[in-house]
Amino acid sequence: GSNGESDSLFVTRRGGSLTRQAFWYRVKKYAAIADITQPLSPHTLRH
């Protein structure tokens, strides 16, 4: 938006980069939507 430029690839509406904790939360959220009940974290995608 009006927050100017950022070198970070993945940004938030505040203009900063997305944090590790925020991405972890979103992975959990999408796992619930996808009805994936096993323990899941961003590192699970790497595995």
ModelCIF file with pLDDT and N, C-alpha, C, O atoms, coordinates in Angstrom:
data_MODEL
#
_entry.id   MODEL 
#
_entity.id                         1 
_entity.type                       polymer 
_entity.pdbx_number_of_molecules   1 
#
_entity_poly.entity_id                      1 
_entity_poly.type                           'polypeptide(L)' 
_entity_poly.nstd_linkage                   no 
_entity_poly.nstd_monomer                   no 
_entity_poly.pdbx_seq_one_letter_code       GSNGESDSLFVTRRGGSLTRQAFWYRVKKYAAIADITQPLSPHTLRH 
_entity_poly.pdbx_seq_one_letter_code_can   GSNGESDSLFVTRRGGSLTRQAFWYRVKKYAAIADITQPLSPHTLRH 
_entity_poly.pdbx_strand_id                 A 
#
loop_
_entity_poly_seq.entity_id 
_entity_poly_seq.num 
_entity_poly_seq.mon_id 
_entity_poly_seq.hetero 
1 1  GLY n 
1 2  SER n 
1 3  ASN n 
1 4  GLY n 
1 5  GLU n 
1 6  SER n 
1 7  ASP n 
1 8  SER n 
1 9  LEU n 
1 10 PHE n 
1 11 VAL n 
1 12 THR n 
1 13 ARG n 
1 14 ARG n 
1 15 GLY n 
1 16 GLY n 
1 17 SER n 
1 18 LEU n 
1 19 THR n 
1 20 ARG n 
1 21 GLN n 
1 22 ALA n 
1 23 PHE n 
1 24 TRP n 
1 25 TYR n 
1 26 ARG n 
1 27 VAL n 
1 28 LYS n 
1 29 LYS n 
1 30 TYR n 
1 31 ALA n 
1 32 ALA n 
1 33 ILE n 
1 34 ALA n 
1 35 ASP n 
1 36 ILE n 
1 37 THR n 
1 38 GLN n 
1 39 PRO n 
1 40 LEU n 
1 41 SER n 
1 42 PRO n 
1 43 HIS n 
1 44 THR n 
1 45 LEU n 
1 46 ARG n 
1 47 HIS n 
#
_struct_asym.id          A 
_struct_asym.entity_id   1 
#
loop_
_ma_qa_metric.id 
_ma_qa_metric.mode 
_ma_qa_metric.name 
_ma_qa_metric.software_group_id 
_ma_qa_metric.type 
1 global pLDDT . pLDDT 
2 local  pLDDT . pLDDT 
#
_ma_qa_metric_global.metric_id      1 
_ma_qa_metric_global.metric_value   89.15 
_ma_qa_metric_global.model_id       1 
_ma_qa_metric_global.ordinal_id     1 
#
loop_
_ma_qa_metric_local.label_asym_id 
_ma_qa_metric_local.label_comp_id 
_ma_qa_metric_local.label_seq_id 
_ma_qa_metric_local.metric_id 
_ma_qa_metric_local.metric_value 
_ma_qa_metric_local.model_id 
_ma_qa_metric_local.ordinal_id 
A GLY 1  2 86.00 1 1  
A SER 2  2 79.00 1 2  
A ASN 3  2 77.00 1 3  
A GLY 4  2 74.00 1 4  
A GLU 5  2 81.00 1 5  
A SER 6  2 88.00 1 6  
A ASP 7  2 91.00 1 7  
A SER 8  2 93.00 1 8  
A LEU 9  2 95.00 1 9  
A PHE 10 2 95.00 1 10 
A VAL 11 2 94.00 1 11 
A THR 12 2 92.00 1 12 
A ARG 13 2 90.00 1 13 
A ARG 14 2 87.00 1 14 
A GLY 15 2 85.00 1 15 
A GLY 16 2 86.00 1 16 
A SER 17 2 88.00 1 17 
A LEU 18 2 89.00 1 18 
A THR 19 2 89.00 1 19 
A ARG 20 2 88.00 1 20 
A GLN 21 2 90.00 1 21 
A ALA 22 2 92.00 1 22 
A PHE 23 2 93.00 1 23 
A TRP 24 2 91.00 1 24 
A TYR 25 2 92.00 1 25 
A ARG 26 2 94.00 1 26 
A VAL 27 2 93.00 1 27 
A LYS 28 2 93.00 1 28 
A LYS 29 2 95.00 1 29 
A TYR 30 2 96.00 1 30 
A ALA 31 2 94.00 1 31 
A ALA 32 2 94.00 1 32 
A ILE 33 2 96.00 1 33 
A ALA 34 2 95.00 1 34 
A ASP 35 2 95.00 1 35 
A ILE 36 2 93.00 1 36 
A THR 37 2 89.00 1 37 
A GLN 38 2 85.00 1 38 
A PRO 39 2 80.00 1 39 
A LEU 40 2 85.00 1 40 
A SER 41 2 84.00 1 41 
A PRO 42 2 86.00 1 42 
A HIS 43 2 85.00 1 43 
A THR 44 2 88.00 1 44 
A LEU 45 2 90.00 1 45 
A ARG 46 2 88.00 1 46 
A HIS 47 2 87.00 1 47 
#
loop_
_atom_site.group_PDB 
_atom_site.id 
_atom_site.type_symbol 
_atom_site.label_atom_id 
_atom_site.label_alt_id 
_atom_site.label_comp_id 
_atom_site.label_asym_id 
_atom_site.label_entity_id 
_atom_site.label_seq_id 
_atom_site.pdbx_PDB_ins_code 
_atom_site.Cartn_x 
_atom_site.Cartn_y 
_atom_site.Cartn_z 
_atom_site.occupancy 
_atom_site.B_iso_or_equiv 
_atom_site.pdbx_formal_charge 
_atom_site.auth_seq_id 
_atom_site.auth_comp_id 
_atom_site.auth_asym_id 
_atom_site.auth_atom_id 
_atom_site.pdbx_PDB_model_num 
ATOM 1   N N  . GLY A 1 1  ? 0.811   -1.204  0.000  1.00 86.00 ? 1  GLY A N  1 
ATOM 2   C CA . GLY A 1 1  ? 0.000   0.000   0.000  1.00 86.00 ? 1  GLY A CA 1 
ATOM 3   C C  . GLY A 1 1  ? 0.844   1.254   0.000  1.00 86.00 ? 1  GLY A C  1 
ATOM 4   O O  . GLY A 1 1  ? 1.689   1.447   -0.875 1.00 86.00 ? 1  GLY A O  1 
ATOM 5   N N  . SER A 1 2  ? 0.615   2.101   0.980  1.00 79.00 ? 2  SER A N  1 
ATOM 6   C CA . SER A 1 2  ? 1.347   3.372   1.062  1.00 79.00 ? 2  SER A CA 1 
ATOM 7   C C  . SER A 1 2  ? 2.558   3.279   1.977  1.00 79.00 ? 2  SER A C  1 
ATOM 8   O O  . SER A 1 2  ? 3.139   4.297   2.352  1.00 79.00 ? 2  SER A O  1 
ATOM 9   N N  . ASN A 1 3  ? 2.937   2.061   2.335  1.00 77.00 ? 3  ASN A N  1 
ATOM 10  C CA . ASN A 1 3  ? 4.073   1.892   3.248  1.00 77.00 ? 3  ASN A CA 1 
ATOM 11  C C  . ASN A 1 3  ? 5.429   1.998   2.560  1.00 77.00 ? 3  ASN A C  1 
ATOM 12  O O  . ASN A 1 3  ? 6.475   1.873   3.198  1.00 77.00 ? 3  ASN A O  1 
ATOM 13  N N  . GLY A 1 4  ? 5.396   2.229   1.253  1.00 74.00 ? 4  GLY A N  1 
ATOM 14  C CA . GLY A 1 4  ? 6.661   2.396   0.539  1.00 74.00 ? 4  GLY A CA 1 
ATOM 15  C C  . GLY A 1 4  ? 7.241   1.092   0.052  1.00 74.00 ? 4  GLY A C  1 
ATOM 16  O O  . GLY A 1 4  ? 6.538   0.089   -0.073 1.00 74.00 ? 4  GLY A O  1 
ATOM 17  N N  . GLU A 1 5  ? 8.536   1.115   -0.223 1.00 81.00 ? 5  GLU A N  1 
ATOM 18  C CA . GLU A 1 5  ? 9.223   -0.044  -0.782 1.00 81.00 ? 5  GLU A CA 1 
ATOM 19  C C  . GLU A 1 5  ? 9.773   -0.939  0.328  1.00 81.00 ? 5  GLU A C  1 
ATOM 20  O O  . GLU A 1 5  ? 9.980   -0.507  1.462  1.00 81.00 ? 5  GLU A O  1 
ATOM 21  N N  . SER A 1 6  ? 9.999   -2.200  -0.040 1.00 88.00 ? 6  SER A N  1 
ATOM 22  C CA . SER A 1 6  ? 10.613  -3.163  0.869  1.00 88.00 ? 6  SER A CA 1 
ATOM 23  C C  . SER A 1 6  ? 11.410  -4.156  0.045  1.00 88.00 ? 6  SER A C  1 
ATOM 24  O O  . SER A 1 6  ? 10.981  -4.564  -1.034 1.00 88.00 ? 6  SER A O  1 
ATOM 25  N N  . ASP A 1 7  ? 12.576  -4.546  0.555  1.00 91.00 ? 7  ASP A N  1 
ATOM 26  C CA . ASP A 1 7  ? 13.386  -5.551  -0.138 1.00 91.00 ? 7  ASP A CA 1 
ATOM 27  C C  . ASP A 1 7  ? 12.872  -6.965  0.113  1.00 91.00 ? 7  ASP A C  1 
ATOM 28  O O  . ASP A 1 7  ? 13.169  -7.883  -0.653 1.00 91.00 ? 7  ASP A O  1 
ATOM 29  N N  . SER A 1 8  ? 12.103  -7.139  1.181  1.00 93.00 ? 8  SER A N  1 
ATOM 30  C CA . SER A 1 8  ? 11.604  -8.471  1.523  1.00 93.00 ? 8  SER A CA 1 
ATOM 31  C C  . SER A 1 8  ? 10.653  -8.979  0.444  1.00 93.00 ? 8  SER A C  1 
ATOM 32  O O  . SER A 1 8  ? 9.850   -8.219  -0.096 1.00 93.00 ? 8  SER A O  1 
ATOM 33  N N  . LEU A 1 9  ? 10.750  -10.264 0.138  1.00 95.00 ? 9  LEU A N  1 
ATOM 34  C CA . LEU A 1 9  ? 9.873   -10.843 -0.870 1.00 95.00 ? 9  LEU A CA 1 
ATOM 35  C C  . LEU A 1 9  ? 8.447   -10.951 -0.343 1.00 95.00 ? 9  LEU A C  1 
ATOM 36  O O  . LEU A 1 9  ? 7.505   -10.542 -1.021 1.00 95.00 ? 9  LEU A O  1 
ATOM 37  N N  . PHE A 1 10 ? 8.279   -11.501 0.864  1.00 95.00 ? 10 PHE A N  1 
ATOM 38  C CA . PHE A 1 10 ? 6.950   -11.703 1.419  1.00 95.00 ? 10 PHE A CA 1 
ATOM 39  C C  . PHE A 1 10 ? 6.685   -10.669 2.513  1.00 95.00 ? 10 PHE A C  1 
ATOM 40  O O  . PHE A 1 10 ? 7.371   -10.640 3.535  1.00 95.00 ? 10 PHE A O  1 
ATOM 41  N N  . VAL A 1 11 ? 5.676   -9.819  2.280  1.00 94.00 ? 11 VAL A N  1 
ATOM 42  C CA . VAL A 1 11 ? 5.444   -8.674  3.153  1.00 94.00 ? 11 VAL A CA 1 
ATOM 43  C C  . VAL A 1 11 ? 4.037   -8.722  3.754  1.00 94.00 ? 11 VAL A C  1 
ATOM 44  O O  . VAL A 1 11 ? 3.182   -9.496  3.325  1.00 94.00 ? 11 VAL A O  1 
ATOM 45  N N  . THR A 1 12 ? 3.828   -7.872  4.756  1.00 92.00 ? 12 THR A N  1 
ATOM 46  C CA . THR A 1 12 ? 2.524   -7.713  5.395  1.00 92.00 ? 12 THR A CA 1 
ATOM 47  C C  . THR A 1 12 ? 1.960   -6.338  5.044  1.00 92.00 ? 12 THR A C  1 
ATOM 48  O O  . THR A 1 12 ? 2.622   -5.534  4.388  1.00 92.00 ? 12 THR A O  1 
ATOM 49  N N  . ARG A 1 13 ? 0.740   -6.081  5.485  1.00 90.00 ? 13 ARG A N  1 
ATOM 50  C CA . ARG A 1 13 ? 0.121   -4.777  5.222  1.00 90.00 ? 13 ARG A CA 1 
ATOM 51  C C  . ARG A 1 13 ? 0.825   -3.651  5.969  1.00 90.00 ? 13 ARG A C  1 
ATOM 52  O O  . ARG A 1 13 ? 0.631   -2.478  5.648  1.00 90.00 ? 13 ARG A O  1 
ATOM 53  N N  . ARG A 1 14 ? 1.634   -3.995  6.958  1.00 87.00 ? 14 ARG A N  1 
ATOM 54  C CA . ARG A 1 14 ? 2.397   -2.969  7.682  1.00 87.00 ? 14 ARG A CA 1 
ATOM 55  C C  . ARG A 1 14 ? 3.708   -2.626  6.985  1.00 87.00 ? 14 ARG A C  1 
ATOM 56  O O  . ARG A 1 14 ? 4.430   -1.724  7.412  1.00 87.00 ? 14 ARG A O  1 
ATOM 57  N N  . GLY A 1 15 ? 4.007   -3.339  5.925  1.00 85.00 ? 15 GLY A N  1 
ATOM 58  C CA . GLY A 1 15 ? 5.213   -3.052  5.168  1.00 85.00 ? 15 GLY A CA 1 
ATOM 59  C C  . GLY A 1 15 ? 6.429   -3.850  5.557  1.00 85.00 ? 15 GLY A C  1 
ATOM 60  O O  . GLY A 1 15 ? 7.466   -3.775  4.898  1.00 85.00 ? 15 GLY A O  1 
ATOM 61  N N  . GLY A 1 16 ? 6.309   -4.627  6.641  1.00 86.00 ? 16 GLY A N  1 
ATOM 62  C CA . GLY A 1 16 ? 7.442   -5.448  7.066  1.00 86.00 ? 16 GLY A CA 1 
ATOM 63  C C  . GLY A 1 16 ? 7.365   -6.847  6.483  1.00 86.00 ? 16 GLY A C  1 
ATOM 64  O O  . GLY A 1 16 ? 6.386   -7.204  5.828  1.00 86.00 ? 16 GLY A O  1 
ATOM 65  N N  . SER A 1 17 ? 8.401   -7.635  6.724  1.00 88.00 ? 17 SER A N  1 
ATOM 66  C CA . SER A 1 17 ? 8.397   -9.011  6.241  1.00 88.00 ? 17 SER A CA 1 
ATOM 67  C C  . SER A 1 17 ? 7.581   -9.885  7.183  1.00 88.00 ? 17 SER A C  1 
ATOM 68  O O  . SER A 1 17 ? 7.490   -9.609  8.380  1.00 88.00 ? 17 SER A O  1 
ATOM 69  N N  . LEU A 1 18 ? 6.988   -10.944 6.632  1.00 89.00 ? 18 LEU A N  1 
ATOM 70  C CA . LEU A 1 18 ? 6.205   -11.878 7.449  1.00 89.00 ? 18 LEU A CA 1 
ATOM 71  C C  . LEU A 1 18 ? 7.148   -12.599 8.410  1.00 89.00 ? 18 LEU A C  1 
ATOM 72  O O  . LEU A 1 18 ? 8.243   -13.000 8.017  1.00 89.00 ? 18 LEU A O  1 
ATOM 73  N N  . THR A 1 19 ? 6.736   -12.763 9.650  1.00 89.00 ? 19 THR A N  1 
ATOM 74  C CA . THR A 1 19 ? 7.588   -13.400 10.652 1.00 89.00 ? 19 THR A CA 1 
ATOM 75  C C  . THR A 1 19 ? 7.429   -14.919 10.625 1.00 89.00 ? 19 THR A C  1 
ATOM 76  O O  . THR A 1 19 ? 6.475   -15.457 10.062 1.00 89.00 ? 19 THR A O  1 
ATOM 77  N N  . ARG A 1 20 ? 8.391   -15.589 11.248 1.00 88.00 ? 20 ARG A N  1 
ATOM 78  C CA . ARG A 1 20 ? 8.345   -17.046 11.385 1.00 88.00 ? 20 ARG A CA 1 
ATOM 79  C C  . ARG A 1 20 ? 7.063   -17.481 12.105 1.00 88.00 ? 20 ARG A C  1 
ATOM 80  O O  . ARG A 1 20 ? 6.409   -18.438 11.690 1.00 88.00 ? 20 ARG A O  1 
ATOM 81  N N  . GLN A 1 21 ? 6.708   -16.774 13.185 1.00 90.00 ? 21 GLN A N  1 
ATOM 82  C CA . GLN A 1 21 ? 5.532   -17.135 13.962 1.00 90.00 ? 21 GLN A CA 1 
ATOM 83  C C  . GLN A 1 21 ? 4.249   -16.947 13.164 1.00 90.00 ? 21 GLN A C  1 
ATOM 84  O O  . GLN A 1 21 ? 3.326   -17.755 13.265 1.00 90.00 ? 21 GLN A O  1 
ATOM 85  N N  . ALA A 1 22 ? 4.189   -15.874 12.365 1.00 92.00 ? 22 ALA A N  1 
ATOM 86  C CA . ALA A 1 22 ? 2.998   -15.606 11.560 1.00 92.00 ? 22 ALA A CA 1 
ATOM 87  C C  . ALA A 1 22 ? 2.810   -16.683 10.493 1.00 92.00 ? 22 ALA A C  1 
ATOM 88  O O  . ALA A 1 22 ? 1.686   -17.116 10.239 1.00 92.00 ? 22 ALA A O  1 
ATOM 89  N N  . PHE A 1 23 ? 3.896   -17.113 9.873  1.00 93.00 ? 23 PHE A N  1 
ATOM 90  C CA . PHE A 1 23 ? 3.775   -18.157 8.854  1.00 93.00 ? 23 PHE A CA 1 
ATOM 91  C C  . PHE A 1 23 ? 3.389   -19.487 9.493  1.00 93.00 ? 23 PHE A C  1 
ATOM 92  O O  . PHE A 1 23 ? 2.592   -20.239 8.932  1.00 93.00 ? 23 PHE A O  1 
ATOM 93  N N  . TRP A 1 24 ? 3.952   -19.778 10.670 1.00 91.00 ? 24 TRP A N  1 
ATOM 94  C CA . TRP A 1 24 ? 3.585   -20.998 11.392 1.00 91.00 ? 24 TRP A CA 1 
ATOM 95  C C  . TRP A 1 24 ? 2.091   -21.008 11.669 1.00 91.00 ? 24 TRP A C  1 
ATOM 96  O O  . TRP A 1 24 ? 1.427   -22.030 11.497 1.00 91.00 ? 24 TRP A O  1 
ATOM 97  N N  . TYR A 1 25 ? 1.561   -19.858 12.103 1.00 92.00 ? 25 TYR A N  1 
ATOM 98  C CA . TYR A 1 25 ? 0.132   -19.764 12.407 1.00 92.00 ? 25 TYR A CA 1 
ATOM 99  C C  . TYR A 1 25 ? -0.700  -20.011 11.148 1.00 92.00 ? 25 TYR A C  1 
ATOM 100 O O  . TYR A 1 25 ? -1.735  -20.676 11.209 1.00 92.00 ? 25 TYR A O  1 
ATOM 101 N N  . ARG A 1 26 ? -0.257  -19.483 10.015 1.00 94.00 ? 26 ARG A N  1 
ATOM 102 C CA . ARG A 1 26 ? -1.040  -19.615 8.787  1.00 94.00 ? 26 ARG A CA 1 
ATOM 103 C C  . ARG A 1 26 ? -0.991  -21.050 8.251  1.00 94.00 ? 26 ARG A C  1 
ATOM 104 O O  . ARG A 1 26 ? -1.968  -21.532 7.677  1.00 94.00 ? 26 ARG A O  1 
ATOM 105 N N  . VAL A 1 27 ? 0.125   -21.720 8.435  1.00 93.00 ? 27 VAL A N  1 
ATOM 106 C CA . VAL A 1 27 ? 0.198   -23.125 8.046  1.00 93.00 ? 27 VAL A CA 1 
ATOM 107 C C  . VAL A 1 27 ? -0.799  -23.938 8.866  1.00 93.00 ? 27 VAL A C  1 
ATOM 108 O O  . VAL A 1 27 ? -1.503  -24.788 8.320  1.00 93.00 ? 27 VAL A O  1 
ATOM 109 N N  . LYS A 1 28 ? -0.863  -23.688 10.162 1.00 93.00 ? 28 LYS A N  1 
ATOM 110 C CA . LYS A 1 28 ? -1.831  -24.362 11.030 1.00 93.00 ? 28 LYS A CA 1 
ATOM 111 C C  . LYS A 1 28 ? -3.266  -24.086 10.569 1.00 93.00 ? 28 LYS A C  1 
ATOM 112 O O  . LYS A 1 28 ? -4.104  -24.986 10.536 1.00 93.00 ? 28 LYS A O  1 
ATOM 113 N N  . LYS A 1 29 ? -3.524  -22.856 10.223 1.00 95.00 ? 29 LYS A N  1 
ATOM 114 C CA . LYS A 1 29 ? -4.859  -22.450 9.781  1.00 95.00 ? 29 LYS A CA 1 
ATOM 115 C C  . LYS A 1 29 ? -5.263  -23.222 8.523  1.00 95.00 ? 29 LYS A C  1 
ATOM 116 O O  . LYS A 1 29 ? -6.373  -23.748 8.443  1.00 95.00 ? 29 LYS A O  1 
ATOM 117 N N  . TYR A 1 30 ? -4.363  -23.288 7.546  1.00 96.00 ? 30 TYR A N  1 
ATOM 118 C CA . TYR A 1 30 ? -4.695  -23.957 6.286  1.00 96.00 ? 30 TYR A CA 1 
ATOM 119 C C  . TYR A 1 30 ? -4.771  -25.476 6.462  1.00 96.00 ? 30 TYR A C  1 
ATOM 120 O O  . TYR A 1 30 ? -5.522  -26.151 5.757  1.00 96.00 ? 30 TYR A O  1 
ATOM 121 N N  . ALA A 1 31 ? -3.998  -26.003 7.399  1.00 94.00 ? 31 ALA A N  1 
ATOM 122 C CA . ALA A 1 31 ? -4.091  -27.437 7.692  1.00 94.00 ? 31 ALA A CA 1 
ATOM 123 C C  . ALA A 1 31 ? -5.479  -27.774 8.218  1.00 94.00 ? 31 ALA A C  1 
ATOM 124 O O  . ALA A 1 31 ? -6.045  -28.807 7.861  1.00 94.00 ? 31 ALA A O  1 
ATOM 125 N N  . ALA A 1 32 ? -6.030  -26.906 9.066  1.00 94.00 ? 32 ALA A N  1 
ATOM 126 C CA . ALA A 1 32 ? -7.376  -27.127 9.602  1.00 94.00 ? 32 ALA A CA 1 
ATOM 127 C C  . ALA A 1 32 ? -8.414  -27.068 8.491  1.00 94.00 ? 32 ALA A C  1 
ATOM 128 O O  . ALA A 1 32 ? -9.344  -27.875 8.456  1.00 94.00 ? 32 ALA A O  1 
ATOM 129 N N  . ILE A 1 33 ? -8.251  -26.102 7.577  1.00 96.00 ? 33 ILE A N  1 
ATOM 130 C CA . ILE A 1 33 ? -9.179  -25.988 6.447  1.00 96.00 ? 33 ILE A CA 1 
ATOM 131 C C  . ILE A 1 33 ? -9.104  -27.232 5.571  1.00 96.00 ? 33 ILE A C  1 
ATOM 132 O O  . ILE A 1 33 ? -10.119 -27.700 5.055  1.00 96.00 ? 33 ILE A O  1 
ATOM 133 N N  . ALA A 1 34 ? -7.889  -27.767 5.406  1.00 95.00 ? 34 ALA A N  1 
ATOM 134 C CA . ALA A 1 34 ? -7.677  -28.940 4.559  1.00 95.00 ? 34 ALA A CA 1 
ATOM 135 C C  . ALA A 1 34 ? -7.984  -30.242 5.276  1.00 95.00 ? 34 ALA A C  1 
ATOM 136 O O  . ALA A 1 34 ? -7.806  -31.320 4.709  1.00 95.00 ? 34 ALA A O  1 
ATOM 137 N N  . ASP A 1 35 ? -8.447  -30.153 6.528  1.00 95.00 ? 35 ASP A N  1 
ATOM 138 C CA . ASP A 1 35 ? -8.785  -31.329 7.338  1.00 95.00 ? 35 ASP A CA 1 
ATOM 139 C C  . ASP A 1 35 ? -7.580  -32.249 7.526  1.00 95.00 ? 35 ASP A C  1 
ATOM 140 O O  . ASP A 1 35 ? -7.703  -33.471 7.447  1.00 95.00 ? 35 ASP A O  1 
ATOM 141 N N  . ILE A 1 36 ? -6.412  -31.647 7.775  1.00 93.00 ? 36 ILE A N  1 
ATOM 142 C CA . ILE A 1 36 ? -5.197  -32.394 8.097  1.00 93.00 ? 36 ILE A CA 1 
ATOM 143 C C  . ILE A 1 36 ? -5.039  -32.339 9.607  1.00 93.00 ? 36 ILE A C  1 
ATOM 144 O O  . ILE A 1 36 ? -4.768  -31.276 10.166 1.00 93.00 ? 36 ILE A O  1 
ATOM 145 N N  . THR A 1 37 ? -5.204  -33.466 10.263 1.00 89.00 ? 37 THR A N  1 
ATOM 146 C CA . THR A 1 37 ? -5.254  -33.481 11.729 1.00 89.00 ? 37 THR A CA 1 
ATOM 147 C C  . THR A 1 37 ? -3.917  -33.796 12.384 1.00 89.00 ? 37 THR A C  1 
ATOM 148 O O  . THR A 1 37 ? -3.761  -33.557 13.582 1.00 89.00 ? 37 THR A O  1 
ATOM 149 N N  . GLN A 1 38 ? -2.949  -34.324 11.643 1.00 85.00 ? 38 GLN A N  1 
ATOM 150 C CA . GLN A 1 38 ? -1.663  -34.671 12.242 1.00 85.00 ? 38 GLN A CA 1 
ATOM 151 C C  . GLN A 1 38 ? -0.871  -33.407 12.550 1.00 85.00 ? 38 GLN A C  1 
ATOM 152 O O  . GLN A 1 38 ? -1.132  -32.360 11.957 1.00 85.00 ? 38 GLN A O  1 
ATOM 153 N N  . PRO A 1 39 ? 0.099   -33.485 13.477 1.00 80.00 ? 39 PRO A N  1 
ATOM 154 C CA . PRO A 1 39 ? 0.922   -32.310 13.799 1.00 80.00 ? 39 PRO A CA 1 
ATOM 155 C C  . PRO A 1 39 ? 1.590   -31.750 12.544 1.00 80.00 ? 39 PRO A C  1 
ATOM 156 O O  . PRO A 1 39 ? 2.149   -32.494 11.738 1.00 80.00 ? 39 PRO A O  1 
ATOM 157 N N  . LEU A 1 40 ? 1.522   -30.437 12.395 1.00 85.00 ? 40 LEU A N  1 
ATOM 158 C CA . LEU A 1 40 ? 2.016   -29.809 11.174 1.00 85.00 ? 40 LEU A CA 1 
ATOM 159 C C  . LEU A 1 40 ? 2.707   -28.499 11.500 1.00 85.00 ? 40 LEU A C  1 
ATOM 160 O O  . LEU A 1 40 ? 2.244   -27.733 12.345 1.00 85.00 ? 40 LEU A O  1 
ATOM 161 N N  . SER A 1 41 ? 3.823   -28.248 10.821 1.00 84.00 ? 41 SER A N  1 
ATOM 162 C CA . SER A 1 41 ? 4.558   -27.001 10.966 1.00 84.00 ? 41 SER A CA 1 
ATOM 163 C C  . SER A 1 41 ? 5.149   -26.669 9.598  1.00 84.00 ? 41 SER A C  1 
ATOM 164 O O  . SER A 1 41 ? 5.124   -27.511 8.701  1.00 84.00 ? 41 SER A O  1 
ATOM 165 N N  . PRO A 1 42 ? 5.685   -25.450 9.421  1.00 86.00 ? 42 PRO A N  1 
ATOM 166 C CA . PRO A 1 42 ? 6.339   -25.144 8.146  1.00 86.00 ? 42 PRO A CA 1 
ATOM 167 C C  . PRO A 1 42 ? 7.429   -26.153 7.776  1.00 86.00 ? 42 PRO A C  1 
ATOM 168 O O  . PRO A 1 42 ? 7.639   -26.434 6.595  1.00 86.00 ? 42 PRO A O  1 
ATOM 169 N N  . HIS A 1 43 ? 8.126   -26.701 8.785  1.00 85.00 ? 43 HIS A N  1 
ATOM 170 C CA . HIS A 1 43 ? 9.203   -27.647 8.506  1.00 85.00 ? 43 HIS A CA 1 
ATOM 171 C C  . HIS A 1 43 ? 8.670   -28.959 7.930  1.00 85.00 ? 43 HIS A C  1 
ATOM 172 O O  . HIS A 1 43 ? 9.403   -29.688 7.261  1.00 85.00 ? 43 HIS A O  1 
ATOM 173 N N  . THR A 1 44 ? 7.384   -29.262 8.191  1.00 88.00 ? 44 THR A N  1 
ATOM 174 C CA . THR A 1 44 ? 6.780   -30.470 7.646  1.00 88.00 ? 44 THR A CA 1 
ATOM 175 C C  . THR A 1 44 ? 6.761   -30.412 6.118  1.00 88.00 ? 44 THR A C  1 
ATOM 176 O O  . THR A 1 44 ? 6.883   -31.441 5.453  1.00 88.00 ? 44 THR A O  1 
ATOM 177 N N  . LEU A 1 45 ? 6.607   -29.210 5.563  1.00 90.00 ? 45 LEU A N  1 
ATOM 178 C CA . LEU A 1 45 ? 6.615   -29.050 4.100  1.00 90.00 ? 45 LEU A CA 1 
ATOM 179 C C  . LEU A 1 45 ? 8.001   -29.367 3.538  1.00 90.00 ? 45 LEU A C  1 
ATOM 180 O O  . LEU A 1 45 ? 8.117   -29.930 2.449  1.00 90.00 ? 45 LEU A O  1 
ATOM 181 N N  . ARG A 1 46 ? 9.039   -29.009 4.272  1.00 88.00 ? 46 ARG A N  1 
ATOM 182 C CA . ARG A 1 46 ? 10.408  -29.332 3.852  1.00 88.00 ? 46 ARG A CA 1 
ATOM 183 C C  . ARG A 1 46 ? 10.609  -30.843 3.868  1.00 88.00 ? 46 ARG A C  1 
ATOM 184 O O  . ARG A 1 46 ? 11.221  -31.406 2.960  1.00 88.00 ? 46 ARG A O  1 
ATOM 185 N N  . HIS A 1 47 ? 10.088  -31.496 4.911  1.00 87.00 ? 47 HIS A N  1 
ATOM 186 C CA . HIS A 1 47 ? 10.181  -32.952 4.974  1.00 87.00 ? 47 HIS A CA 1 
ATOM 187 C C  . HIS A 1 47 ? 9.409   -33.597 3.829  1.00 87.00 ? 47 HIS A C  1 
ATOM 188 O O  . HIS A 1 47 ? 9.375   -34.823 3.720  1.00 87.00 ? 47 HIS A O  1 
#
